[in-house]
């Protein structure tokens, strides 16, 4: 898109019409997905995270996630995205989770995100809960952990969704690296070594290796 066209879309983020604001944010997210971005979009997108309309908050969170994927982040956005993890709208919470994951890839994190991410593990939407698990793993790599994550992560190991299972196993491995372990997890991870999905088997094996390093074996009661 020509620069003038992108600037026009950015300007529409402040339109009084809710549908136009929503469409503009959605468009910017799609273009960012195609690696077409403009840093000038960040501030107005961040402002939309406080919009009264949940559909606008949702699309703004998604667009900010895509911008973060391209390396364009602001701490101000992270703070508001963490707040949106408590939003009344499920779709807003889901897109905020996605954005937090993209921010974590850029090493832009805040301990305040841990508890809402743990709560997101309980969401019925497997994409959102799976993304929350992977984000928690990213946080754990930086030494930011929340012990209350263990129980819902273990529960997610038995999800019907292969990506959620794989991400939960990966997160449990990262938590084990930090000394946060559970015997219950070992038993389920051992079963997942027979999972039909390769990534689930691989991540479960890696997690079990971390448990073994801590002296916890599969047969231990």
N, C-alpha and C. Protein backbone atom coordinates (compact mmCIF):
# COMPACT_ATOMS: atom_id res chain seq x y z
N UNK A 1 0.84 -1.20 0.00
CA UNK A 1 0.00 0.00 0.00
C UNK A 1 0.88 1.25 0.00
N UNK A 2 0.58 2.24 -0.84
CA UNK A 2 1.33 3.50 -0.83
C UNK A 2 1.24 4.16 0.53
N UNK A 3 2.27 4.96 0.87
CA UNK A 3 2.31 5.59 2.19
C UNK A 3 1.07 6.43 2.45
N UNK A 4 0.62 7.17 1.45
CA UNK A 4 -0.56 8.01 1.64
C UNK A 4 -1.79 7.18 2.00
N UNK A 5 -1.89 5.99 1.37
CA UNK A 5 -3.01 5.10 1.67
C UNK A 5 -2.96 4.60 3.09
N UNK A 6 -1.76 4.26 3.57
CA UNK A 6 -1.61 3.77 4.93
C UNK A 6 -1.91 4.87 5.94
N UNK A 7 -1.46 6.07 5.64
CA UNK A 7 -1.74 7.20 6.52
C UNK A 7 -3.24 7.49 6.59
N UNK A 8 -3.93 7.28 5.48
CA UNK A 8 -5.38 7.47 5.47
C UNK A 8 -6.05 6.47 6.41
N UNK A 9 -5.58 5.22 6.36
CA UNK A 9 -6.15 4.19 7.24
C UNK A 9 -5.87 4.54 8.70
N UNK A 10 -4.66 4.98 8.99
CA UNK A 10 -4.30 5.37 10.36
C UNK A 10 -5.21 6.49 10.85
N UNK A 11 -5.49 7.44 9.98
CA UNK A 11 -6.35 8.56 10.36
C UNK A 11 -7.75 8.09 10.72
N UNK A 12 -8.20 7.01 10.08
CA UNK A 12 -9.55 6.50 10.32
C UNK A 12 -9.69 5.82 11.69
N UNK A 13 -8.57 5.59 12.36
CA UNK A 13 -8.63 5.01 13.70
C UNK A 13 -9.32 5.95 14.68
N UNK A 14 -9.39 7.23 14.34
CA UNK A 14 -10.02 8.21 15.21
C UNK A 14 -11.39 8.64 14.70
N UNK A 15 -11.90 7.91 13.74
CA UNK A 15 -13.22 8.23 13.20
C UNK A 15 -14.31 8.03 14.26
N UNK A 16 -15.34 8.85 14.23
CA UNK A 16 -16.42 8.75 15.21
C UNK A 16 -17.28 7.50 15.00
N UNK A 17 -17.23 6.96 13.79
CA UNK A 17 -18.02 5.78 13.46
C UNK A 17 -17.29 4.52 13.93
N UNK A 18 -17.95 3.75 14.79
CA UNK A 18 -17.32 2.54 15.35
C UNK A 18 -16.89 1.56 14.27
N UNK A 19 -17.72 1.37 13.26
CA UNK A 19 -17.39 0.40 12.22
C UNK A 19 -16.16 0.81 11.43
N UNK A 20 -16.00 2.11 11.23
CA UNK A 20 -14.82 2.59 10.49
C UNK A 20 -13.56 2.42 11.33
N UNK A 21 -13.64 2.70 12.64
CA UNK A 21 -12.49 2.49 13.52
C UNK A 21 -12.09 1.01 13.52
N UNK A 22 -13.10 0.17 13.63
CA UNK A 22 -12.84 -1.28 13.64
C UNK A 22 -12.20 -1.74 12.35
N UNK A 23 -12.75 -1.27 11.22
CA UNK A 23 -12.23 -1.68 9.91
C UNK A 23 -10.80 -1.18 9.70
N UNK A 24 -10.52 0.02 10.18
CA UNK A 24 -9.17 0.57 10.03
C UNK A 24 -8.16 -0.25 10.83
N UNK A 25 -8.51 -0.60 12.07
CA UNK A 25 -7.61 -1.41 12.89
C UNK A 25 -7.40 -2.79 12.27
N UNK A 26 -8.48 -3.36 11.77
CA UNK A 26 -8.38 -4.68 11.13
C UNK A 26 -7.48 -4.62 9.90
N UNK A 27 -7.62 -3.56 9.11
CA UNK A 27 -6.80 -3.39 7.91
C UNK A 27 -5.32 -3.27 8.27
N UNK A 28 -5.03 -2.48 9.29
CA UNK A 28 -3.63 -2.31 9.71
C UNK A 28 -3.04 -3.63 10.19
N UNK A 29 -3.86 -4.43 10.88
CA UNK A 29 -3.39 -5.74 11.32
C UNK A 29 -3.07 -6.64 10.15
N UNK A 30 -3.92 -6.62 9.14
CA UNK A 30 -3.70 -7.46 7.96
C UNK A 30 -2.46 -7.04 7.19
N UNK A 31 -2.28 -5.72 7.06
CA UNK A 31 -1.09 -5.24 6.36
C UNK A 31 0.18 -5.57 7.16
N UNK A 32 0.11 -5.46 8.48
CA UNK A 32 1.27 -5.81 9.31
C UNK A 32 1.61 -7.28 9.17
N UNK A 33 0.58 -8.08 9.03
CA UNK A 33 0.79 -9.52 8.81
C UNK A 33 1.59 -9.74 7.53
N UNK A 34 1.39 -8.85 6.56
CA UNK A 34 2.15 -8.89 5.31
C UNK A 34 3.41 -8.04 5.35
N UNK A 35 3.83 -7.67 6.57
CA UNK A 35 5.07 -6.92 6.81
C UNK A 35 5.02 -5.49 6.30
N UNK A 36 3.82 -4.93 6.20
CA UNK A 36 3.66 -3.53 5.83
C UNK A 36 3.17 -2.79 7.06
N UNK A 37 4.02 -1.94 7.62
CA UNK A 37 3.69 -1.26 8.87
C UNK A 37 4.08 0.21 8.80
N UNK A 38 3.58 0.96 9.76
CA UNK A 38 3.96 2.36 9.93
C UNK A 38 3.92 2.65 11.42
N UNK A 39 5.05 3.04 11.97
CA UNK A 39 5.15 3.26 13.42
C UNK A 39 4.14 4.29 13.92
N UNK A 40 3.69 5.15 13.03
CA UNK A 40 2.72 6.17 13.42
C UNK A 40 1.36 5.59 13.78
N UNK A 41 1.15 4.32 13.47
CA UNK A 41 -0.12 3.68 13.81
C UNK A 41 -0.18 3.27 15.28
N UNK A 42 0.97 3.16 15.93
CA UNK A 42 1.01 2.61 17.28
C UNK A 42 0.18 3.41 18.29
N UNK A 43 0.41 4.70 18.37
CA UNK A 43 -0.29 5.51 19.38
C UNK A 43 -1.80 5.47 19.22
N UNK A 44 -2.33 5.68 18.00
CA UNK A 44 -3.80 5.60 17.87
C UNK A 44 -4.35 4.20 18.10
N UNK A 45 -3.59 3.17 17.78
CA UNK A 45 -4.03 1.81 18.06
C UNK A 45 -4.08 1.57 19.56
N UNK A 46 -3.07 2.05 20.27
CA UNK A 46 -3.05 1.92 21.72
C UNK A 46 -4.25 2.62 22.33
N UNK A 47 -4.58 3.79 21.81
CA UNK A 47 -5.74 4.54 22.31
C UNK A 47 -7.02 3.73 22.15
N UNK A 48 -7.11 2.95 21.08
CA UNK A 48 -8.32 2.16 20.84
C UNK A 48 -8.47 0.99 21.80
N UNK A 49 -7.43 0.67 22.53
CA UNK A 49 -7.57 -0.39 23.54
C UNK A 49 -8.51 0.04 24.66
N UNK A 50 -8.79 1.33 24.74
CA UNK A 50 -9.74 1.86 25.73
C UNK A 50 -11.10 2.17 25.12
N UNK A 51 -11.29 1.78 23.86
CA UNK A 51 -12.54 2.09 23.18
C UNK A 51 -13.73 1.44 23.90
N UNK A 52 -14.87 2.08 23.85
CA UNK A 52 -16.06 1.56 24.51
C UNK A 52 -16.62 0.32 23.80
N UNK A 53 -16.28 0.17 22.54
CA UNK A 53 -16.82 -0.95 21.76
C UNK A 53 -15.84 -2.13 21.77
N UNK A 54 -16.32 -3.28 22.19
CA UNK A 54 -15.42 -4.43 22.31
C UNK A 54 -14.85 -4.87 20.96
N UNK A 55 -15.62 -4.70 19.89
CA UNK A 55 -15.11 -5.11 18.57
C UNK A 55 -13.91 -4.25 18.16
N UNK A 56 -13.92 -3.00 18.59
CA UNK A 56 -12.79 -2.11 18.30
C UNK A 56 -11.59 -2.49 19.16
N UNK A 57 -11.82 -2.75 20.43
CA UNK A 57 -10.73 -3.18 21.32
C UNK A 57 -10.09 -4.46 20.80
N UNK A 58 -10.93 -5.35 20.34
CA UNK A 58 -10.46 -6.64 19.83
C UNK A 58 -9.54 -6.47 18.62
N UNK A 59 -9.98 -5.69 17.63
CA UNK A 59 -9.18 -5.52 16.42
C UNK A 59 -7.91 -4.72 16.69
N UNK A 60 -7.99 -3.77 17.62
CA UNK A 60 -6.80 -2.98 17.97
C UNK A 60 -5.75 -3.88 18.64
N UNK A 61 -6.19 -4.77 19.52
CA UNK A 61 -5.26 -5.69 20.18
C UNK A 61 -4.59 -6.60 19.16
N UNK A 62 -5.38 -7.08 18.20
CA UNK A 62 -4.83 -7.95 17.16
C UNK A 62 -3.79 -7.20 16.33
N UNK A 63 -4.13 -5.97 15.93
CA UNK A 63 -3.21 -5.18 15.12
C UNK A 63 -1.91 -4.90 15.87
N UNK A 64 -2.01 -4.59 17.16
CA UNK A 64 -0.82 -4.34 17.96
C UNK A 64 0.03 -5.61 18.08
N UNK A 65 -0.62 -6.75 18.12
CA UNK A 65 0.12 -8.01 18.13
C UNK A 65 0.90 -8.20 16.85
N UNK A 66 0.27 -7.89 15.72
CA UNK A 66 0.94 -8.02 14.43
C UNK A 66 2.08 -7.01 14.29
N UNK A 67 1.87 -5.81 14.83
CA UNK A 67 2.95 -4.82 14.82
C UNK A 67 4.12 -5.30 15.66
N UNK A 68 3.82 -5.89 16.81
CA UNK A 68 4.89 -6.42 17.66
C UNK A 68 5.64 -7.53 16.95
N UNK A 69 4.91 -8.32 16.18
CA UNK A 69 5.54 -9.39 15.41
C UNK A 69 6.61 -8.83 14.48
N UNK A 70 6.40 -7.61 14.03
CA UNK A 70 7.36 -6.94 13.15
C UNK A 70 8.37 -6.10 13.92
N UNK A 71 8.36 -6.22 15.24
CA UNK A 71 9.35 -5.53 16.05
C UNK A 71 8.95 -4.15 16.53
N UNK A 72 7.70 -3.76 16.30
CA UNK A 72 7.22 -2.44 16.71
C UNK A 72 6.38 -2.58 17.98
N UNK A 73 6.98 -2.23 19.11
CA UNK A 73 6.33 -2.40 20.42
C UNK A 73 6.41 -1.11 21.23
N UNK A 74 5.48 -0.98 22.17
CA UNK A 74 5.52 0.10 23.14
C UNK A 74 5.09 -0.45 24.50
N UNK A 75 5.84 -0.08 25.55
CA UNK A 75 5.52 -0.55 26.89
C UNK A 75 4.11 -0.12 27.29
N UNK A 76 3.69 1.06 26.84
CA UNK A 76 2.35 1.55 27.13
C UNK A 76 1.29 0.57 26.64
N UNK A 77 1.52 0.00 25.46
CA UNK A 77 0.59 -0.97 24.91
C UNK A 77 0.56 -2.24 25.75
N UNK A 78 1.74 -2.68 26.20
CA UNK A 78 1.82 -3.89 27.02
C UNK A 78 0.97 -3.74 28.28
N UNK A 79 1.09 -2.61 28.94
CA UNK A 79 0.32 -2.37 30.16
C UNK A 79 -1.18 -2.47 29.91
N UNK A 80 -1.63 -1.89 28.80
CA UNK A 80 -3.07 -1.92 28.50
C UNK A 80 -3.52 -3.31 28.06
N UNK A 81 -2.66 -4.01 27.35
CA UNK A 81 -3.00 -5.37 26.93
C UNK A 81 -3.17 -6.29 28.13
N UNK A 82 -2.33 -6.09 29.13
CA UNK A 82 -2.46 -6.89 30.35
C UNK A 82 -3.81 -6.61 31.01
N UNK A 83 -4.20 -5.35 31.04
CA UNK A 83 -5.52 -4.98 31.59
C UNK A 83 -6.64 -5.65 30.80
N UNK A 84 -6.48 -5.72 29.47
CA UNK A 84 -7.51 -6.33 28.63
C UNK A 84 -7.65 -7.82 28.85
N UNK A 85 -6.69 -8.44 29.50
CA UNK A 85 -6.82 -9.86 29.82
C UNK A 85 -7.97 -10.12 30.78
N UNK A 86 -8.47 -9.05 31.40
CA UNK A 86 -9.61 -9.15 32.32
C UNK A 86 -10.88 -8.61 31.67
N UNK A 87 -10.83 -8.35 30.37
CA UNK A 87 -11.97 -7.76 29.67
C UNK A 87 -13.19 -8.68 29.72
N UNK A 88 -14.36 -8.09 29.70
CA UNK A 88 -15.59 -8.88 29.74
C UNK A 88 -15.81 -9.67 28.46
N UNK A 89 -15.21 -9.21 27.37
CA UNK A 89 -15.38 -9.88 26.08
C UNK A 89 -14.33 -10.96 25.88
N UNK A 90 -14.79 -12.16 25.57
CA UNK A 90 -13.86 -13.27 25.36
C UNK A 90 -12.94 -12.99 24.17
N UNK A 91 -13.48 -12.45 23.08
CA UNK A 91 -12.66 -12.21 21.90
C UNK A 91 -11.58 -11.16 22.17
N UNK A 92 -11.89 -10.18 23.01
CA UNK A 92 -10.88 -9.18 23.40
C UNK A 92 -9.78 -9.87 24.20
N UNK A 93 -10.16 -10.71 25.15
CA UNK A 93 -9.16 -11.43 25.95
C UNK A 93 -8.28 -12.30 25.08
N UNK A 94 -8.89 -12.94 24.11
CA UNK A 94 -8.14 -13.82 23.22
C UNK A 94 -7.11 -13.05 22.40
N UNK A 95 -7.52 -11.91 21.84
CA UNK A 95 -6.60 -11.14 21.03
C UNK A 95 -5.52 -10.46 21.88
N UNK A 96 -5.88 -10.12 23.11
CA UNK A 96 -4.88 -9.57 24.02
C UNK A 96 -3.83 -10.63 24.34
N UNK A 97 -4.25 -11.88 24.47
CA UNK A 97 -3.32 -12.97 24.71
C UNK A 97 -2.36 -13.14 23.53
N UNK A 98 -2.93 -13.09 22.34
CA UNK A 98 -2.10 -13.18 21.12
C UNK A 98 -1.06 -12.05 21.11
N UNK A 99 -1.50 -10.83 21.42
CA UNK A 99 -0.59 -9.69 21.42
C UNK A 99 0.51 -9.84 22.47
N UNK A 100 0.15 -10.35 23.65
CA UNK A 100 1.16 -10.57 24.69
C UNK A 100 2.20 -11.60 24.24
N UNK A 101 1.75 -12.60 23.49
CA UNK A 101 2.69 -13.59 22.97
C UNK A 101 3.66 -12.92 22.00
N UNK A 102 3.14 -12.07 21.11
CA UNK A 102 4.00 -11.38 20.15
C UNK A 102 4.96 -10.44 20.87
N UNK A 103 4.50 -9.79 21.92
CA UNK A 103 5.38 -8.92 22.71
C UNK A 103 6.47 -9.74 23.40
N UNK A 104 6.13 -10.93 23.85
CA UNK A 104 7.13 -11.76 24.52
C UNK A 104 8.24 -12.17 23.56
N UNK A 105 7.90 -12.35 22.27
CA UNK A 105 8.91 -12.68 21.27
C UNK A 105 9.94 -11.55 21.14
N UNK A 106 9.51 -10.34 21.48
CA UNK A 106 10.42 -9.18 21.42
C UNK A 106 11.05 -8.90 22.79
N UNK A 107 10.87 -9.83 23.72
CA UNK A 107 11.39 -9.68 25.09
C UNK A 107 10.81 -8.47 25.82
N UNK A 108 9.58 -8.11 25.47
CA UNK A 108 8.87 -7.04 26.16
C UNK A 108 7.84 -7.73 27.04
N UNK A 109 8.14 -7.81 28.34
CA UNK A 109 7.31 -8.57 29.27
C UNK A 109 7.13 -7.81 30.57
N UNK A 110 6.15 -8.24 31.34
CA UNK A 110 5.90 -7.66 32.65
C UNK A 110 5.30 -8.75 33.54
N UNK A 111 5.84 -8.87 34.74
CA UNK A 111 5.36 -9.89 35.67
C UNK A 111 3.85 -9.81 35.91
N UNK A 112 3.28 -8.63 35.77
CA UNK A 112 1.84 -8.45 35.99
C UNK A 112 1.00 -9.28 35.03
N UNK A 113 1.59 -9.73 33.93
CA UNK A 113 0.84 -10.52 32.95
C UNK A 113 0.67 -11.97 33.38
N UNK A 114 1.46 -12.42 34.35
CA UNK A 114 1.46 -13.84 34.69
C UNK A 114 0.11 -14.37 35.15
N UNK A 115 -0.50 -13.71 36.12
CA UNK A 115 -1.76 -14.23 36.65
C UNK A 115 -2.88 -14.25 35.61
N UNK A 116 -3.07 -13.17 34.83
CA UNK A 116 -4.10 -13.25 33.80
C UNK A 116 -3.80 -14.30 32.74
N UNK A 117 -2.53 -14.54 32.46
CA UNK A 117 -2.18 -15.60 31.51
C UNK A 117 -2.53 -16.97 32.07
N UNK A 118 -2.31 -17.15 33.37
CA UNK A 118 -2.69 -18.41 34.02
C UNK A 118 -4.20 -18.60 33.93
N UNK A 119 -4.95 -17.56 34.17
CA UNK A 119 -6.42 -17.63 34.06
C UNK A 119 -6.85 -17.98 32.64
N UNK A 120 -6.11 -17.47 31.65
CA UNK A 120 -6.44 -17.75 30.26
C UNK A 120 -6.28 -19.22 29.92
N UNK A 121 -5.45 -19.94 30.66
CA UNK A 121 -5.28 -21.37 30.42
C UNK A 121 -6.59 -22.13 30.60
N UNK A 122 -7.52 -21.55 31.35
CA UNK A 122 -8.80 -22.20 31.63
C UNK A 122 -9.85 -21.90 30.58
N UNK A 123 -9.52 -21.02 29.61
CA UNK A 123 -10.50 -20.67 28.57
C UNK A 123 -10.85 -21.90 27.73
N UNK A 124 -12.08 -21.96 27.30
CA UNK A 124 -12.52 -23.10 26.49
C UNK A 124 -11.97 -23.04 25.07
N UNK A 125 -11.57 -21.84 24.62
CA UNK A 125 -10.98 -21.71 23.30
C UNK A 125 -9.54 -22.20 23.33
N UNK A 126 -9.28 -23.28 22.60
CA UNK A 126 -7.96 -23.91 22.68
C UNK A 126 -6.85 -23.06 22.09
N UNK A 127 -7.18 -22.24 21.09
CA UNK A 127 -6.16 -21.38 20.51
C UNK A 127 -5.66 -20.39 21.56
N UNK A 128 -6.61 -19.78 22.29
CA UNK A 128 -6.25 -18.80 23.31
C UNK A 128 -5.50 -19.46 24.47
N UNK A 129 -6.00 -20.60 24.93
CA UNK A 129 -5.32 -21.26 26.06
C UNK A 129 -3.94 -21.77 25.64
N UNK A 130 -3.84 -22.24 24.41
CA UNK A 130 -2.55 -22.70 23.90
C UNK A 130 -1.55 -21.56 23.78
N UNK A 131 -2.03 -20.40 23.31
CA UNK A 131 -1.15 -19.24 23.21
C UNK A 131 -0.72 -18.76 24.59
N UNK A 132 -1.64 -18.85 25.55
CA UNK A 132 -1.30 -18.46 26.92
C UNK A 132 -0.20 -19.38 27.46
N UNK A 133 -0.30 -20.67 27.17
CA UNK A 133 0.71 -21.62 27.63
C UNK A 133 2.08 -21.30 27.04
N UNK A 134 2.09 -20.99 25.75
CA UNK A 134 3.37 -20.69 25.10
C UNK A 134 3.94 -19.38 25.62
N UNK A 135 3.08 -18.41 25.89
CA UNK A 135 3.54 -17.14 26.44
C UNK A 135 4.15 -17.34 27.82
N UNK A 136 3.51 -18.18 28.62
CA UNK A 136 4.06 -18.49 29.95
C UNK A 136 5.44 -19.14 29.83
N UNK A 137 5.62 -19.95 28.79
CA UNK A 137 6.93 -20.56 28.57
C UNK A 137 7.96 -19.49 28.24
N UNK A 138 7.57 -18.53 27.42
CA UNK A 138 8.47 -17.43 27.06
C UNK A 138 8.86 -16.63 28.30
N UNK A 139 7.88 -16.38 29.16
CA UNK A 139 8.14 -15.66 30.40
C UNK A 139 9.07 -16.47 31.31
N UNK A 140 8.84 -17.77 31.36
CA UNK A 140 9.66 -18.62 32.22
C UNK A 140 11.12 -18.60 31.79
N UNK A 141 11.36 -18.51 30.48
CA UNK A 141 12.73 -18.44 29.99
C UNK A 141 13.47 -17.24 30.56
N UNK A 142 12.72 -16.19 30.86
CA UNK A 142 13.31 -14.97 31.42
C UNK A 142 13.23 -14.95 32.95
N UNK A 143 12.86 -16.09 33.52
CA UNK A 143 12.81 -16.19 34.97
C UNK A 143 11.54 -15.67 35.60
N UNK A 144 10.53 -15.39 34.78
CA UNK A 144 9.24 -14.89 35.28
C UNK A 144 8.25 -16.05 35.31
N UNK A 145 7.97 -16.56 36.51
CA UNK A 145 7.13 -17.75 36.64
C UNK A 145 6.04 -17.52 37.69
N UNK A 146 5.00 -18.32 37.58
CA UNK A 146 3.87 -18.27 38.50
C UNK A 146 3.50 -19.71 38.85
N UNK A 147 3.74 -20.11 40.09
CA UNK A 147 3.53 -21.51 40.48
C UNK A 147 2.10 -21.98 40.27
N UNK A 148 1.14 -21.07 40.34
CA UNK A 148 -0.26 -21.46 40.15
C UNK A 148 -0.54 -21.90 38.72
N UNK A 149 0.43 -21.73 37.81
CA UNK A 149 0.25 -22.16 36.42
C UNK A 149 0.30 -23.67 36.28
N UNK A 150 0.94 -24.36 37.23
CA UNK A 150 1.14 -25.80 37.09
C UNK A 150 -0.15 -26.58 36.88
N UNK A 151 -1.11 -26.37 37.75
CA UNK A 151 -2.35 -27.15 37.68
C UNK A 151 -3.08 -26.98 36.35
N UNK A 152 -3.34 -25.74 35.89
CA UNK A 152 -4.02 -25.61 34.60
C UNK A 152 -3.17 -26.06 33.42
N UNK A 153 -1.85 -25.95 33.51
CA UNK A 153 -0.99 -26.46 32.43
C UNK A 153 -1.10 -27.97 32.34
N UNK A 154 -1.11 -28.63 33.49
CA UNK A 154 -1.25 -30.09 33.51
C UNK A 154 -2.61 -30.50 32.92
N UNK A 155 -3.64 -29.77 33.27
CA UNK A 155 -4.97 -30.03 32.72
C UNK A 155 -4.96 -29.88 31.20
N UNK A 156 -4.21 -28.88 30.71
CA UNK A 156 -4.17 -28.61 29.28
C UNK A 156 -3.45 -29.72 28.52
N UNK A 157 -2.63 -30.49 29.21
CA UNK A 157 -1.96 -31.62 28.57
C UNK A 157 -2.95 -32.62 28.01
N UNK A 158 -4.17 -32.64 28.56
CA UNK A 158 -5.19 -33.60 28.12
C UNK A 158 -6.22 -32.96 27.21
N UNK A 159 -5.86 -31.80 26.67
CA UNK A 159 -6.74 -31.10 25.73
C UNK A 159 -6.94 -31.92 24.45
N UNK A 160 -8.06 -31.70 23.80
CA UNK A 160 -8.32 -32.34 22.52
C UNK A 160 -7.52 -31.70 21.39
N UNK A 161 -7.01 -30.51 21.67
CA UNK A 161 -6.28 -29.74 20.65
C UNK A 161 -4.79 -30.06 20.72
N UNK A 162 -4.21 -30.44 19.60
CA UNK A 162 -2.80 -30.86 19.58
C UNK A 162 -1.85 -29.72 19.91
N UNK A 163 -2.16 -28.50 19.44
CA UNK A 163 -1.27 -27.37 19.72
C UNK A 163 -1.31 -27.01 21.20
N UNK A 164 -2.49 -27.07 21.79
CA UNK A 164 -2.60 -26.79 23.23
C UNK A 164 -1.81 -27.81 24.03
N UNK A 165 -1.89 -29.08 23.66
CA UNK A 165 -1.12 -30.13 24.36
C UNK A 165 0.38 -29.87 24.21
N UNK A 166 0.79 -29.56 22.99
CA UNK A 166 2.22 -29.33 22.72
C UNK A 166 2.73 -28.13 23.50
N UNK A 167 1.96 -27.06 23.51
CA UNK A 167 2.40 -25.84 24.20
C UNK A 167 2.42 -26.03 25.71
N UNK A 168 1.45 -26.78 26.22
CA UNK A 168 1.42 -27.04 27.66
C UNK A 168 2.65 -27.86 28.07
N UNK A 169 2.99 -28.86 27.27
CA UNK A 169 4.18 -29.67 27.55
C UNK A 169 5.44 -28.81 27.51
N UNK A 170 5.51 -27.94 26.52
CA UNK A 170 6.67 -27.04 26.39
C UNK A 170 6.79 -26.14 27.61
N UNK A 171 5.67 -25.56 28.04
CA UNK A 171 5.67 -24.67 29.19
C UNK A 171 6.07 -25.41 30.46
N UNK A 172 5.57 -26.63 30.62
CA UNK A 172 5.93 -27.41 31.81
C UNK A 172 7.42 -27.73 31.83
N UNK A 173 8.00 -27.91 30.65
CA UNK A 173 9.43 -28.13 30.58
C UNK A 173 10.21 -26.89 31.02
N UNK A 174 9.74 -25.72 30.59
CA UNK A 174 10.39 -24.47 30.98
C UNK A 174 10.24 -24.21 32.48
N UNK A 175 9.08 -24.57 33.00
CA UNK A 175 8.86 -24.41 34.44
C UNK A 175 9.77 -25.37 35.22
N UNK A 176 9.94 -26.57 34.70
CA UNK A 176 10.82 -27.54 35.36
C UNK A 176 12.25 -27.02 35.38
N UNK A 177 12.67 -26.32 34.32
CA UNK A 177 14.00 -25.74 34.29
C UNK A 177 14.21 -24.79 35.48
N UNK A 178 13.11 -24.15 35.89
CA UNK A 178 13.19 -23.19 37.00
C UNK A 178 12.89 -23.85 38.35
N UNK A 179 12.77 -25.19 38.35
CA UNK A 179 12.56 -25.90 39.60
C UNK A 179 11.12 -26.01 40.04
N UNK A 180 10.18 -25.65 39.18
CA UNK A 180 8.76 -25.74 39.51
C UNK A 180 8.20 -26.98 38.82
N UNK A 181 7.96 -28.04 39.62
CA UNK A 181 7.62 -29.34 39.05
C UNK A 181 6.42 -29.96 39.75
N UNK A 182 5.89 -31.01 39.12
CA UNK A 182 4.75 -31.74 39.68
C UNK A 182 4.84 -33.20 39.26
N UNK A 183 4.68 -34.10 40.22
CA UNK A 183 4.71 -35.52 39.90
C UNK A 183 3.55 -35.91 38.99
N UNK A 184 2.42 -35.24 39.16
CA UNK A 184 1.26 -35.51 38.31
C UNK A 184 1.59 -35.22 36.85
N UNK A 185 2.35 -34.17 36.62
CA UNK A 185 2.74 -33.81 35.26
C UNK A 185 3.58 -34.90 34.63
N UNK A 186 4.49 -35.48 35.40
CA UNK A 186 5.37 -36.53 34.87
C UNK A 186 4.56 -37.69 34.29
N UNK A 187 3.56 -38.11 35.01
CA UNK A 187 2.76 -39.25 34.58
C UNK A 187 2.05 -38.98 33.25
N UNK A 188 1.49 -37.78 33.13
CA UNK A 188 0.77 -37.45 31.89
C UNK A 188 1.75 -37.23 30.74
N UNK A 189 2.87 -36.56 31.03
CA UNK A 189 3.88 -36.35 29.99
C UNK A 189 4.40 -37.68 29.45
N UNK A 190 4.54 -38.66 30.34
CA UNK A 190 5.00 -39.99 29.91
C UNK A 190 4.00 -40.62 28.94
N UNK A 191 2.71 -40.45 29.22
CA UNK A 191 1.68 -40.98 28.32
C UNK A 191 1.73 -40.28 26.96
N UNK A 192 2.05 -38.99 26.99
CA UNK A 192 2.07 -38.21 25.75
C UNK A 192 3.25 -38.57 24.85
N UNK A 193 4.17 -39.37 25.35
CA UNK A 193 5.25 -39.85 24.49
C UNK A 193 4.70 -40.76 23.39
N UNK A 194 3.46 -41.21 23.58
CA UNK A 194 2.78 -42.06 22.59
C UNK A 194 1.75 -41.26 21.78
N UNK A 195 1.71 -39.97 21.96
CA UNK A 195 0.72 -39.14 21.26
C UNK A 195 0.92 -39.24 19.75
N UNK A 196 -0.17 -39.13 19.00
CA UNK A 196 -0.08 -39.26 17.54
C UNK A 196 0.59 -38.05 16.89
N UNK A 197 0.65 -36.93 17.60
CA UNK A 197 1.24 -35.71 17.05
C UNK A 197 2.72 -35.60 17.44
N UNK A 198 3.57 -35.42 16.43
CA UNK A 198 5.00 -35.38 16.66
C UNK A 198 5.40 -34.28 17.65
N UNK A 199 4.85 -33.06 17.47
CA UNK A 199 5.26 -31.94 18.32
C UNK A 199 4.89 -32.19 19.78
N UNK A 200 3.79 -32.86 20.01
CA UNK A 200 3.39 -33.21 21.38
C UNK A 200 4.41 -34.18 21.97
N UNK A 201 4.77 -35.18 21.19
CA UNK A 201 5.76 -36.16 21.67
C UNK A 201 7.11 -35.48 21.93
N UNK A 202 7.53 -34.63 21.01
CA UNK A 202 8.83 -33.96 21.14
C UNK A 202 8.86 -33.08 22.40
N UNK A 203 7.83 -32.25 22.59
CA UNK A 203 7.82 -31.35 23.74
C UNK A 203 7.68 -32.10 25.06
N UNK A 204 6.94 -33.19 25.03
CA UNK A 204 6.80 -34.01 26.23
C UNK A 204 8.13 -34.65 26.60
N UNK A 205 8.86 -35.11 25.60
CA UNK A 205 10.17 -35.71 25.84
C UNK A 205 11.13 -34.67 26.42
N UNK A 206 11.11 -33.46 25.87
CA UNK A 206 11.98 -32.40 26.38
C UNK A 206 11.63 -32.04 27.82
N UNK A 207 10.33 -32.00 28.11
CA UNK A 207 9.89 -31.69 29.47
C UNK A 207 10.33 -32.78 30.44
N UNK A 208 10.18 -34.04 30.03
CA UNK A 208 10.59 -35.15 30.89
C UNK A 208 12.10 -35.13 31.15
N UNK A 209 12.87 -34.72 30.16
CA UNK A 209 14.32 -34.59 30.36
C UNK A 209 14.62 -33.60 31.48
N UNK A 210 13.85 -32.50 31.51
CA UNK A 210 14.06 -31.50 32.56
C UNK A 210 13.67 -32.06 33.93
N UNK A 211 12.61 -32.87 33.95
CA UNK A 211 12.20 -33.51 35.21
C UNK A 211 13.27 -34.48 35.70
N UNK A 212 13.85 -35.23 34.77
CA UNK A 212 14.89 -36.18 35.15
C UNK A 212 16.11 -35.46 35.71
N UNK A 213 16.42 -34.29 35.15
CA UNK A 213 17.54 -33.50 35.66
C UNK A 213 17.30 -33.07 37.11
N UNK A 214 16.02 -32.97 37.46
CA UNK A 214 15.67 -32.59 38.84
C UNK A 214 15.53 -33.81 39.74
N UNK A 215 15.83 -35.00 39.18
CA UNK A 215 15.78 -36.22 39.98
C UNK A 215 14.40 -36.81 40.11
N UNK A 216 13.47 -36.37 39.27
CA UNK A 216 12.09 -36.88 39.33
C UNK A 216 11.90 -37.84 38.16
N UNK A 217 11.62 -39.10 38.45
CA UNK A 217 11.50 -40.11 37.41
C UNK A 217 10.04 -40.44 37.12
N UNK A 218 9.83 -41.09 36.01
CA UNK A 218 8.48 -41.44 35.59
C UNK A 218 7.84 -42.44 36.54
N UNK A 219 8.62 -43.32 37.08
CA UNK A 219 8.07 -44.37 37.94
C UNK A 219 7.94 -43.94 39.39
N UNK A 220 8.46 -42.78 39.72
CA UNK A 220 8.41 -42.32 41.12
C UNK A 220 7.00 -42.04 41.56
N UNK A 221 6.67 -42.45 42.77
CA UNK A 221 5.32 -42.23 43.32
C UNK A 221 5.36 -41.09 44.33
